[in-house]
Amino acid sequence: MNTKERLQALSAFLTTHRAKLKPSDAGLLGGSRRRTPGLRREEVAAIAGVSTTWYTWLEQGREIKMSVQVLDRIAIALQLNEDERQYLFMLALEQPAPTTIVDQAPTVSPSLSRILVELHDCPTIISDRRCNIVGWNQAAAAVFLDFALIPLEERNLIWLLFTRKELKALAVNWRDFAMGFLAMFRSYYGQYLGDNWYSEFIERISGVNQDFRTFWNQSDVSSAPEVFIEFRHAKVGKLLFDLTTLQVQGRADLRCSVYTASPGSDTDSKVKLLMSKI
């Protein structure tokens, strides 16, 4: 879209979202003399800490200077969700908004939990932006580990890959397996540079496993690695999987890693056998 269309879309977007907010939503008294629904421009400006004139120009779609910090305050004033905040930045600055750092454990939604159940025969793991494991299905527990028995502070994909001998023994091409997830981890690391957790985690795991530092220094990056995996399971022998990682849409930055049996293999039947023994 050209500049005029973009600014018109920005104007419509801001006006619409301002109209959606009730004064009580912003902790304001409604009063009885409001002729139109929603907040007034001066109220949004006051909440965002900008002048009414500047905000009026912004909402009118004028070409004015704006900073990331001010746009973030506008997003907060209009109570935008993360998708709406990204849309605002693309319209206003033609660039994505900086990723917000929310230091809280994400939850697996009921619909995502249902997906885990439906992927009954496909080992599936849900991880957050730190590669902490926040959800898994029975097939994943059967093929890998019973994650419920792993202490919460160790229930991390990267930590387990580099510290649990049984996982290293499981993967025939363990190096490719580990590098795929480490590339995804580095993608998060670059995205959340303001989060000190990453540097602390890297320092801690480097002291436990020298292979981690060697692999980390190769600097591979991938937001969604696709890897062919061959496992040698102690109970059922050879398992062949295609690994696909998918980003889960929504405010929480979650990844769904799905292991599907490679075509022509007997992996499906072996996974079912493992699950029957749980």
C-alpha atoms as a PDB file:
ATOM      1  CA  MET A   1       0.000   0.000   0.000  1.00  0.00           C
ATOM      2  CA  ASN A   2       1.198   3.555  -0.673  1.00  0.00           C
ATOM      3  CA  THR A   3       1.767   6.191   2.017  1.00  0.00           C
ATOM      4  CA  LYS A   4      -1.678   7.745   1.672  1.00  0.00           C
ATOM      5  CA  GLU A   5      -3.456   4.401   1.971  1.00  0.00           C
ATOM      6  CA  ARG A   6      -1.285   3.402   4.935  1.00  0.00           C
ATOM      7  CA  LEU A   7      -2.021   6.612   6.845  1.00  0.00           C
ATOM      8  CA  GLN A   8      -5.732   6.343   6.072  1.00  0.00           C
ATOM      9  CA  ALA A   9      -5.698   2.798   7.455  1.00  0.00           C
ATOM     10  CA  LEU A  10      -3.857   4.057  10.546  1.00  0.00           C
ATOM     11  CA  SER A  11      -6.473   6.783  11.039  1.00  0.00           C
ATOM     12  CA  ALA A  12      -9.340   4.306  10.781  1.00  0.00           C
ATOM     13  CA  PHE A  13      -7.617   1.839  13.092  1.00  0.00           C
ATOM     14  CA  LEU A  14      -6.990   4.383  15.852  1.00  0.00           C
ATOM     15  CA  THR A  15     -10.477   5.888  15.600  1.00  0.00           C
ATOM     16  CA  THR A  16     -12.154   2.482  15.744  1.00  0.00           C
ATOM     17  CA  HIS A  17     -10.199   1.306  18.787  1.00  0.00           C
ATOM     18  CA  ARG A  18     -10.710   4.580  20.642  1.00  0.00           C
ATOM     19  CA  ALA A  19     -14.474   4.223  20.083  1.00  0.00           C
ATOM     20  CA  LYS A  20     -14.420   0.693  21.515  1.00  0.00           C
ATOM     21  CA  LEU A  21     -13.153   1.819  24.914  1.00  0.00           C
ATOM     22  CA  LYS A  22     -15.550   2.956  27.604  1.00  0.00           C
ATOM     23  CA  PRO A  23     -14.349   5.602  30.050  1.00  0.00           C
ATOM     24  CA  SER A  24     -14.635   3.024  32.834  1.00  0.00           C
ATOM     25  CA  ASP A  25     -12.189   0.778  30.926  1.00  0.00           C
ATOM     26  CA  ALA A  26      -9.570   3.487  31.372  1.00  0.00           C
ATOM     27  CA  GLY A  27     -10.531   4.284  34.964  1.00  0.00           C
ATOM     28  CA  LEU A  28     -12.346   7.492  33.977  1.00  0.00           C
ATOM     29  CA  LEU A  29     -15.759   8.797  34.923  1.00  0.00           C
ATOM     30  CA  GLY A  30     -18.168   8.577  32.007  1.00  0.00           C
ATOM     31  CA  GLY A  31     -20.131  11.746  32.547  1.00  0.00           C
ATOM     32  CA  SER A  32     -23.493  12.427  30.941  1.00  0.00           C
ATOM     33  CA  ARG A  33     -22.603  14.771  28.074  1.00  0.00           C
ATOM     34  CA  ARG A  34     -20.756  12.380  25.728  1.00  0.00           C
ATOM     35  CA  ARG A  35     -22.190  12.620  22.237  1.00  0.00           C
ATOM     36  CA  THR A  36     -20.182   9.721  20.804  1.00  0.00           C
ATOM     37  CA  PRO A  37     -19.135   6.367  22.257  1.00  0.00           C
ATOM     38  CA  GLY A  38     -15.641   5.681  23.461  1.00  0.00           C
ATOM     39  CA  LEU A  39     -12.850   7.845  24.812  1.00  0.00           C
ATOM     40  CA  ARG A  40     -12.161  11.377  23.687  1.00  0.00           C
ATOM     41  CA  ARG A  41      -8.938  12.159  21.880  1.00  0.00           C
ATOM     42  CA  GLU A  42      -7.688  14.263  24.754  1.00  0.00           C
ATOM     43  CA  GLU A  43      -8.252  11.350  27.134  1.00  0.00           C
ATOM     44  CA  VAL A  44      -6.186   8.962  25.028  1.00  0.00           C
ATOM     45  CA  ALA A  45      -3.499  11.635  24.731  1.00  0.00           C
ATOM     46  CA  ALA A  46      -3.427  12.160  28.494  1.00  0.00           C
ATOM     47  CA  ILE A  47      -3.140   8.420  29.205  1.00  0.00           C
ATOM     48  CA  ALA A  48      -0.328   8.091  26.636  1.00  0.00           C
ATOM     49  CA  GLY A  49       1.476  11.185  27.878  1.00  0.00           C
ATOM     50  CA  VAL A  50       1.374  13.099  24.582  1.00  0.00           C
ATOM     51  CA  SER A  51      -0.219  16.370  23.563  1.00  0.00           C
ATOM     52  CA  THR A  52      -3.792  16.379  22.329  1.00  0.00           C
ATOM     53  CA  THR A  53      -2.670  18.165  19.156  1.00  0.00           C
ATOM     54  CA  TRP A  54      -0.051  15.516  18.376  1.00  0.00           C
ATOM     55  CA  TYR A  55      -2.477  12.646  18.970  1.00  0.00           C
ATOM     56  CA  THR A  56      -5.134  14.383  16.868  1.00  0.00           C
ATOM     57  CA  TRP A  57      -2.683  14.650  13.972  1.00  0.00           C
ATOM     58  CA  LEU A  58      -1.763  10.990  14.415  1.00  0.00           C
ATOM     59  CA  GLU A  59      -5.399   9.920  14.334  1.00  0.00           C
ATOM     60  CA  GLN A  60      -6.037  12.133  11.317  1.00  0.00           C
ATOM     61  CA  GLY A  61      -3.351  10.236   9.427  1.00  0.00           C
ATOM     62  CA  ARG A  62      -0.934  13.124   9.028  1.00  0.00           C
ATOM     63  CA  GLU A  63       2.741  12.518   8.284  1.00  0.00           C
ATOM     64  CA  ILE A  64       4.341  13.313  11.630  1.00  0.00           C
ATOM     65  CA  LYS A  65       7.399  12.080  13.509  1.00  0.00           C
ATOM     66  CA  MET A  66       6.811   9.348  16.055  1.00  0.00           C
ATOM     67  CA  SER A  67       9.016   7.145  18.183  1.00  0.00           C
ATOM     68  CA  VAL A  68       8.765   3.511  19.210  1.00  0.00           C
ATOM     69  CA  GLN A  69       8.309   4.562  22.847  1.00  0.00           C
ATOM     70  CA  VAL A  70       5.397   6.883  22.067  1.00  0.00           C
ATOM     71  CA  LEU A  71       3.662   4.303  19.879  1.00  0.00           C
ATOM     72  CA  ASP A  72       3.988   1.776  22.685  1.00  0.00           C
ATOM     73  CA  ARG A  73       2.266   4.236  25.027  1.00  0.00           C
ATOM     74  CA  ILE A  74      -0.516   4.700  22.464  1.00  0.00           C
ATOM     75  CA  ALA A  75      -0.914   0.914  22.262  1.00  0.00           C
ATOM     76  CA  ILE A  76      -1.210   0.730  26.056  1.00  0.00           C
ATOM     77  CA  ALA A  77      -3.688   3.626  26.174  1.00  0.00           C
ATOM     78  CA  LEU A  78      -5.888   1.916  23.576  1.00  0.00           C
ATOM     79  CA  GLN A  79      -5.462  -1.451  25.350  1.00  0.00           C
ATOM     80  CA  LEU A  80      -4.291  -3.209  22.183  1.00  0.00           C
ATOM     81  CA  ASN A  81      -3.377  -6.874  22.227  1.00  0.00           C
ATOM     82  CA  GLU A  82      -0.040  -8.013  20.770  1.00  0.00           C
ATOM     83  CA  ASP A  83      -1.411  -8.615  17.256  1.00  0.00           C
ATOM     84  CA  GLU A  84      -3.062  -5.177  17.246  1.00  0.00           C
ATOM     85  CA  ARG A  85       0.137  -3.589  18.567  1.00  0.00           C
ATOM     86  CA  GLN A  86       2.113  -5.137  15.717  1.00  0.00           C
ATOM     87  CA  TYR A  87      -0.467  -3.875  13.227  1.00  0.00           C
ATOM     88  CA  LEU A  88      -0.223  -0.362  14.690  1.00  0.00           C
ATOM     89  CA  PHE A  89       3.563  -0.330  14.264  1.00  0.00           C
ATOM     90  CA  MET A  90       3.393  -1.597  10.695  1.00  0.00           C
ATOM     91  CA  LEU A  91       0.915   1.140   9.763  1.00  0.00           C
ATOM     92  CA  ALA A  92       2.709   3.909  11.639  1.00  0.00           C
ATOM     93  CA  LEU A  93       6.385   3.059  11.101  1.00  0.00           C
ATOM     94  CA  GLU A  94       6.336   0.288   8.491  1.00  0.00           C
ATOM     95  CA  GLN A  95       8.290  -1.944  10.849  1.00  0.00           C
ATOM     96  CA  PRO A  96       7.406  -4.591  13.447  1.00  0.00           C
ATOM     97  CA  ALA A  97       7.016  -3.556  17.055  1.00  0.00           C
ATOM     98  CA  PRO A  98       9.819  -4.555  19.431  1.00  0.00           C
ATOM     99  CA  THR A  99       8.981  -7.813  21.163  1.00  0.00           C
ATOM    100  CA  THR A 100       7.643  -7.306  24.641  1.00  0.00           C
ATOM    101  CA  ILE A 101       9.256  -9.317  27.432  1.00  0.00           C
ATOM    102  CA  VAL A 102       6.644 -10.854  29.707  1.00  0.00           C
ATOM    103  CA  ASP A 103       8.312 -12.861  32.457  1.00  0.00           C
ATOM    104  CA  GLN A 104       5.541 -15.250  33.323  1.00  0.00           C
ATOM    105  CA  ALA A 105       4.892 -18.908  32.649  1.00  0.00           C
ATOM    106  CA  PRO A 106       2.624 -19.306  29.614  1.00  0.00           C
ATOM    107  CA  THR A 107      -0.389 -21.549  29.863  1.00  0.00           C
ATOM    108  CA  VAL A 108      -1.603 -24.105  27.347  1.00  0.00           C
ATOM    109  CA  SER A 109      -5.085 -23.117  26.204  1.00  0.00           C
ATOM    110  CA  PRO A 110      -7.939 -25.653  26.182  1.00  0.00           C
ATOM    111  CA  SER A 111      -7.905 -25.700  22.373  1.00  0.00           C
ATOM    112  CA  LEU A 112      -4.157 -26.410  22.327  1.00  0.00           C
ATOM    113  CA  SER A 113      -4.633 -29.134  24.910  1.00  0.00           C
ATOM    114  CA  ARG A 114      -7.237 -30.640  22.610  1.00  0.00           C
ATOM    115  CA  ILE A 115      -4.750 -30.621  19.741  1.00  0.00           C
ATOM    116  CA  LEU A 116      -2.283 -32.544  21.903  1.00  0.00           C
ATOM    117  CA  VAL A 117      -4.944 -35.180  22.493  1.00  0.00           C
ATOM    118  CA  GLU A 118      -5.912 -35.365  18.815  1.00  0.00           C
ATOM    119  CA  LEU A 119      -2.269 -35.874  17.810  1.00  0.00           C
ATOM    120  CA  HIS A 120      -2.478 -39.106  19.748  1.00  0.00           C
ATOM    121  CA  ASP A 121       0.079 -41.166  17.826  1.00  0.00           C
ATOM    122  CA  CYS A 122       2.433 -38.280  17.005  1.00  0.00           C
ATOM    123  CA  PRO A 123       4.818 -37.331  19.819  1.00  0.00           C
ATOM    124  CA  THR A 124       4.148 -33.616  20.340  1.00  0.00           C
ATOM    125  CA  ILE A 125       5.814 -31.108  22.663  1.00  0.00           C
ATOM    126  CA  ILE A 126       4.809 -27.489  23.300  1.00  0.00           C
ATOM    127  CA  SER A 127       7.603 -25.159  24.404  1.00  0.00           C
ATOM    128  CA  ASP A 128       7.792 -21.479  25.261  1.00  0.00           C
ATOM    129  CA  ARG A 129      10.218 -18.770  24.093  1.00  0.00           C
ATOM    130  CA  ARG A 130      12.858 -20.080  26.493  1.00  0.00           C
ATOM    131  CA  CYS A 131      12.368 -23.654  25.215  1.00  0.00           C
ATOM    132  CA  ASN A 132      10.778 -24.629  28.512  1.00  0.00           C
ATOM    133  CA  ILE A 133       8.429 -27.579  27.999  1.00  0.00           C
ATOM    134  CA  VAL A 134       4.914 -26.444  28.940  1.00  0.00           C
ATOM    135  CA  GLY A 135       2.850 -29.198  27.318  1.00  0.00           C
ATOM    136  CA  TRP A 136       3.195 -32.684  25.829  1.00  0.00           C
ATOM    137  CA  ASN A 137       1.082 -35.677  24.908  1.00  0.00           C
ATOM    138  CA  GLN A 138       1.245 -39.322  25.919  1.00  0.00           C
ATOM    139  CA  ALA A 139       3.168 -40.295  22.788  1.00  0.00           C
ATOM    140  CA  ALA A 140       5.939 -37.803  23.657  1.00  0.00           C
ATOM    141  CA  ALA A 141       6.204 -39.227  27.161  1.00  0.00           C
ATOM    142  CA  ALA A 142       6.423 -42.753  25.727  1.00  0.00           C
ATOM    143  CA  VAL A 143       9.137 -41.983  23.162  1.00  0.00           C
ATOM    144  CA  PHE A 144      11.223 -39.479  25.140  1.00  0.00           C
ATOM    145  CA  LEU A 145      10.779 -39.060  28.882  1.00  0.00           C
ATOM    146  CA  ASP A 146       7.923 -38.718  31.300  1.00  0.00           C
ATOM    147  CA  PHE A 147       8.320 -34.961  31.590  1.00  0.00           C
ATOM    148  CA  ALA A 148       6.049 -34.880  34.630  1.00  0.00           C
ATOM    149  CA  LEU A 149       8.867 -36.591  36.567  1.00  0.00           C
ATOM    150  CA  ILE A 150      11.450 -33.984  35.530  1.00  0.00           C
ATOM    151  CA  PRO A 151      11.955 -31.105  38.025  1.00  0.00           C
ATOM    152  CA  LEU A 152      10.344 -27.940  36.681  1.00  0.00           C
ATOM    153  CA  GLU A 153      13.641 -26.027  36.565  1.00  0.00           C
ATOM    154  CA  GLU A 154      15.133 -28.755  34.308  1.00  0.00           C
ATOM    155  CA  ARG A 155      12.079 -29.199  32.069  1.00  0.00           C
ATOM    156  CA  ASN A 156      13.737 -27.362  29.193  1.00  0.00           C
ATOM    157  CA  LEU A 157      14.372 -28.783  25.706  1.00  0.00           C
ATOM    158  CA  ILE A 158      17.921 -27.455  25.454  1.00  0.00           C
ATOM    159  CA  TRP A 159      18.847 -28.434  28.989  1.00  0.00           C
ATOM    160  CA  LEU A 160      17.553 -32.002  28.542  1.00  0.00           C
ATOM    161  CA  LEU A 161      19.204 -32.439  25.136  1.00  0.00           C
ATOM    162  CA  PHE A 162      22.617 -31.562  26.550  1.00  0.00           C
ATOM    163  CA  THR A 163      22.375 -33.111  30.018  1.00  0.00           C
ATOM    164  CA  ARG A 164      20.340 -36.328  29.722  1.00  0.00           C
ATOM    165  CA  LYS A 165      22.386 -39.277  28.480  1.00  0.00           C
ATOM    166  CA  GLU A 166      19.272 -41.236  27.518  1.00  0.00           C
ATOM    167  CA  LEU A 167      18.254 -38.551  25.011  1.00  0.00           C
ATOM    168  CA  LYS A 168      21.716 -38.485  23.464  1.00  0.00           C
ATOM    169  CA  ALA A 169      21.619 -42.272  23.178  1.00  0.00           C
ATOM    170  CA  LEU A 170      18.113 -42.139  21.669  1.00  0.00           C
ATOM    171  CA  ALA A 171      18.930 -39.972  18.647  1.00  0.00           C
ATOM    172  CA  VAL A 172      21.142 -41.629  16.012  1.00  0.00           C
ATOM    173  CA  ASN A 173      21.802 -38.247  14.384  1.00  0.00           C
ATOM    174  CA  TRP A 174      21.860 -36.488  17.753  1.00  0.00           C
ATOM    175  CA  ARG A 175      24.030 -33.653  16.455  1.00  0.00           C
ATOM    176  CA  ASP A 176      21.448 -32.655  13.804  1.00  0.00           C
ATOM    177  CA  PHE A 177      18.686 -33.133  16.358  1.00  0.00           C
ATOM    178  CA  ALA A 178      20.368 -30.870  18.919  1.00  0.00           C
ATOM    179  CA  MET A 179      21.484 -28.280  16.347  1.00  0.00           C
ATOM    180  CA  GLY A 180      17.921 -27.886  15.052  1.00  0.00           C
ATOM    181  CA  PHE A 181      16.590 -26.950  18.464  1.00  0.00           C
ATOM    182  CA  LEU A 182      19.638 -24.845  19.267  1.00  0.00           C
ATOM    183  CA  ALA A 183      19.057 -22.844  16.064  1.00  0.00           C
ATOM    184  CA  MET A 184      15.509 -22.163  17.241  1.00  0.00           C
ATOM    185  CA  PHE A 185      16.820 -21.222  20.692  1.00  0.00           C
ATOM    186  CA  ARG A 186      19.237 -18.726  19.113  1.00  0.00           C
ATOM    187  CA  SER A 187      16.341 -17.225  17.174  1.00  0.00           C
ATOM    188  CA  TYR A 188      14.604 -16.516  20.481  1.00  0.00           C
ATOM    189  CA  TYR A 189      17.867 -15.247  21.987  1.00  0.00           C
ATOM    190  CA  GLY A 190      18.142 -12.625  19.251  1.00  0.00           C
ATOM    191  CA  GLN A 191      14.499 -11.694  19.567  1.00  0.00           C
ATOM    192  CA  TYR A 192      14.600 -11.171  23.347  1.00  0.00           C
ATOM    193  CA  LEU A 193      17.985  -9.493  23.810  1.00  0.00           C
ATOM    194  CA  GLY A 194      16.700  -7.609  26.839  1.00  0.00           C
ATOM    195  CA  ASP A 195      15.977 -10.812  28.768  1.00  0.00           C
ATOM    196  CA  ASN A 196      18.900 -11.622  31.066  1.00  0.00           C
ATOM    197  CA  TRP A 197      17.574 -15.148  31.534  1.00  0.00           C
ATOM    198  CA  TYR A 198      19.233 -16.232  28.260  1.00  0.00           C
ATOM    199  CA  SER A 199      22.777 -15.188  29.170  1.00  0.00           C
ATOM    200  CA  GLU A 200      22.383 -16.773  32.616  1.00  0.00           C
ATOM    201  CA  PHE A 201      21.063 -20.005  31.092  1.00  0.00           C
ATOM    202  CA  ILE A 202      23.855 -20.146  28.485  1.00  0.00           C
ATOM    203  CA  GLU A 203      26.470 -19.653  31.186  1.00  0.00           C
ATOM    204  CA  ARG A 204      24.921 -22.357  33.377  1.00  0.00           C
ATOM    205  CA  ILE A 205      24.574 -25.016  30.660  1.00  0.00           C
ATOM    206  CA  SER A 206      28.052 -24.239  29.279  1.00  0.00           C
ATOM    207  CA  GLY A 207      29.462 -25.203  32.661  1.00  0.00           C
ATOM    208  CA  VAL A 208      27.635 -28.537  32.522  1.00  0.00           C
ATOM    209  CA  ASN A 209      28.272 -29.615  28.917  1.00  0.00           C
ATOM    210  CA  GLN A 210      31.166 -28.532  26.699  1.00  0.00           C
ATOM    211  CA  ASP A 211      29.341 -29.633  23.526  1.00  0.00           C
ATOM    212  CA  PHE A 212      26.800 -26.881  24.110  1.00  0.00           C
ATOM    213  CA  ARG A 213      29.390 -24.108  23.843  1.00  0.00           C
ATOM    214  CA  THR A 214      30.889 -25.696  20.696  1.00  0.00           C
ATOM    215  CA  PHE A 215      27.498 -25.918  18.992  1.00  0.00           C
ATOM    216  CA  TRP A 216      26.394 -22.492  20.226  1.00  0.00           C
ATOM    217  CA  ASN A 217      29.433 -20.813  18.702  1.00  0.00           C
ATOM    218  CA  GLN A 218      28.409 -22.067  15.240  1.00  0.00           C
ATOM    219  CA  SER A 219      25.631 -19.460  15.334  1.00  0.00           C
ATOM    220  CA  ASP A 220      23.002 -21.352  13.319  1.00  0.00           C
ATOM    221  CA  VAL A 221      19.611 -19.625  13.398  1.00  0.00           C
ATOM    222  CA  SER A 222      16.192 -20.981  12.409  1.00  0.00           C
ATOM    223  CA  SER A 223      12.746 -19.988  13.649  1.00  0.00           C
ATOM    224  CA  ALA A 224      11.192 -23.303  12.578  1.00  0.00           C
ATOM    225  CA  PRO A 225      13.664 -26.103  11.837  1.00  0.00           C
ATOM    226  CA  GLU A 226      12.498 -29.159   9.925  1.00  0.00           C
ATOM    227  CA  VAL A 227      14.652 -32.187  10.648  1.00  0.00           C
ATOM    228  CA  PHE A 228      14.619 -35.880   9.787  1.00  0.00           C
ATOM    229  CA  ILE A 229      15.181 -37.844  12.977  1.00  0.00           C
ATOM    230  CA  GLU A 230      16.244 -41.456  13.480  1.00  0.00           C
ATOM    231  CA  PHE A 231      15.849 -42.831  16.986  1.00  0.00           C
ATOM    232  CA  ARG A 232      17.091 -46.114  18.415  1.00  0.00           C
ATOM    233  CA  HIS A 233      14.666 -46.785  21.225  1.00  0.00           C
ATOM    234  CA  ALA A 234      15.699 -49.222  23.947  1.00  0.00           C
ATOM    235  CA  LYS A 235      12.300 -50.965  23.853  1.00  0.00           C
ATOM    236  CA  VAL A 236      11.224 -50.958  20.201  1.00  0.00           C
ATOM    237  CA  GLY A 237      14.369 -50.267  18.195  1.00  0.00           C
ATOM    238  CA  LYS A 238      14.444 -48.056  15.099  1.00  0.00           C
ATOM    239  CA  LEU A 239      12.008 -45.107  14.890  1.00  0.00           C
ATOM    240  CA  LEU A 240      11.955 -42.697  11.960  1.00  0.00           C
ATOM    241  CA  PHE A 241      10.347 -39.282  12.332  1.00  0.00           C
ATOM    242  CA  ASP A 242      10.004 -36.037  10.424  1.00  0.00           C
ATOM    243  CA  LEU A 243      10.113 -33.156  12.912  1.00  0.00           C
ATOM    244  CA  THR A 244       8.113 -30.027  12.159  1.00  0.00           C
ATOM    245  CA  THR A 245       7.906 -27.044  14.507  1.00  0.00           C
ATOM    246  CA  LEU A 246       4.942 -24.689  14.272  1.00  0.00           C
ATOM    247  CA  GLN A 247       4.390 -21.313  15.873  1.00  0.00           C
ATOM    248  CA  VAL A 248       1.238 -21.169  17.951  1.00  0.00           C
ATOM    249  CA  GLN A 249      -0.786 -18.060  17.169  1.00  0.00           C
ATOM    250  CA  GLY A 250      -1.706 -15.855  20.106  1.00  0.00           C
ATOM    251  CA  ARG A 251      -0.064 -13.616  22.688  1.00  0.00           C
ATOM    252  CA  ALA A 252       2.128 -16.314  24.205  1.00  0.00           C
ATOM    253  CA  ASP A 253       5.207 -17.149  22.117  1.00  0.00           C
ATOM    254  CA  LEU A 254       4.735 -20.929  21.974  1.00  0.00           C
ATOM    255  CA  ARG A 255       6.063 -23.582  19.596  1.00  0.00           C
ATOM    256  CA  CYS A 256       4.485 -26.916  18.819  1.00  0.00           C
ATOM    257  CA  SER A 257       7.040 -29.589  17.829  1.00  0.00           C
ATOM    258  CA  VAL A 258       5.347 -32.503  16.075  1.00  0.00           C
ATOM    259  CA  TYR A 259       7.062 -35.797  15.260  1.00  0.00           C
ATOM    260  CA  THR A 260       5.295 -37.585  12.412  1.00  0.00           C
ATOM    261  CA  ALA A 261       6.233 -41.112  11.401  1.00  0.00           C
ATOM    262  CA  SER A 262       8.254 -41.164   8.185  1.00  0.00           C
ATOM    263  CA  PRO A 263       6.316 -42.673   5.264  1.00  0.00           C
ATOM    264  CA  GLY A 264       7.063 -46.341   4.641  1.00  0.00           C
ATOM    265  CA  SER A 265       8.369 -46.981   8.160  1.00  0.00           C
ATOM    266  CA  ASP A 266       6.777 -49.058  10.909  1.00  0.00           C
ATOM    267  CA  THR A 267       7.175 -46.201  13.380  1.00  0.00           C
ATOM    268  CA  ASP A 268       3.424 -45.685  13.903  1.00  0.00           C
ATOM    269  CA  SER A 269       2.901 -49.226  15.142  1.00  0.00           C
ATOM    270  CA  LYS A 270       5.950 -49.035  17.401  1.00  0.00           C
ATOM    271  CA  VAL A 271       4.745 -45.775  18.975  1.00  0.00           C
ATOM    272  CA  LYS A 272       1.367 -47.407  19.677  1.00  0.00           C
ATOM    273  CA  LEU A 273       3.186 -50.351  21.278  1.00  0.00           C
ATOM    274  CA  LEU A 274       5.165 -48.021  23.519  1.00  0.00           C
ATOM    275  CA  MET A 275       2.017 -46.173  24.551  1.00  0.00           C
ATOM    276  CA  SER A 276       0.266 -49.413  25.435  1.00  0.00           C
ATOM    277  CA  LYS A 277       2.999 -50.086  27.998  1.00  0.00           C
ATOM    278  CA  ILE A 278       2.591 -46.809  29.871  1.00  0.00           C
END
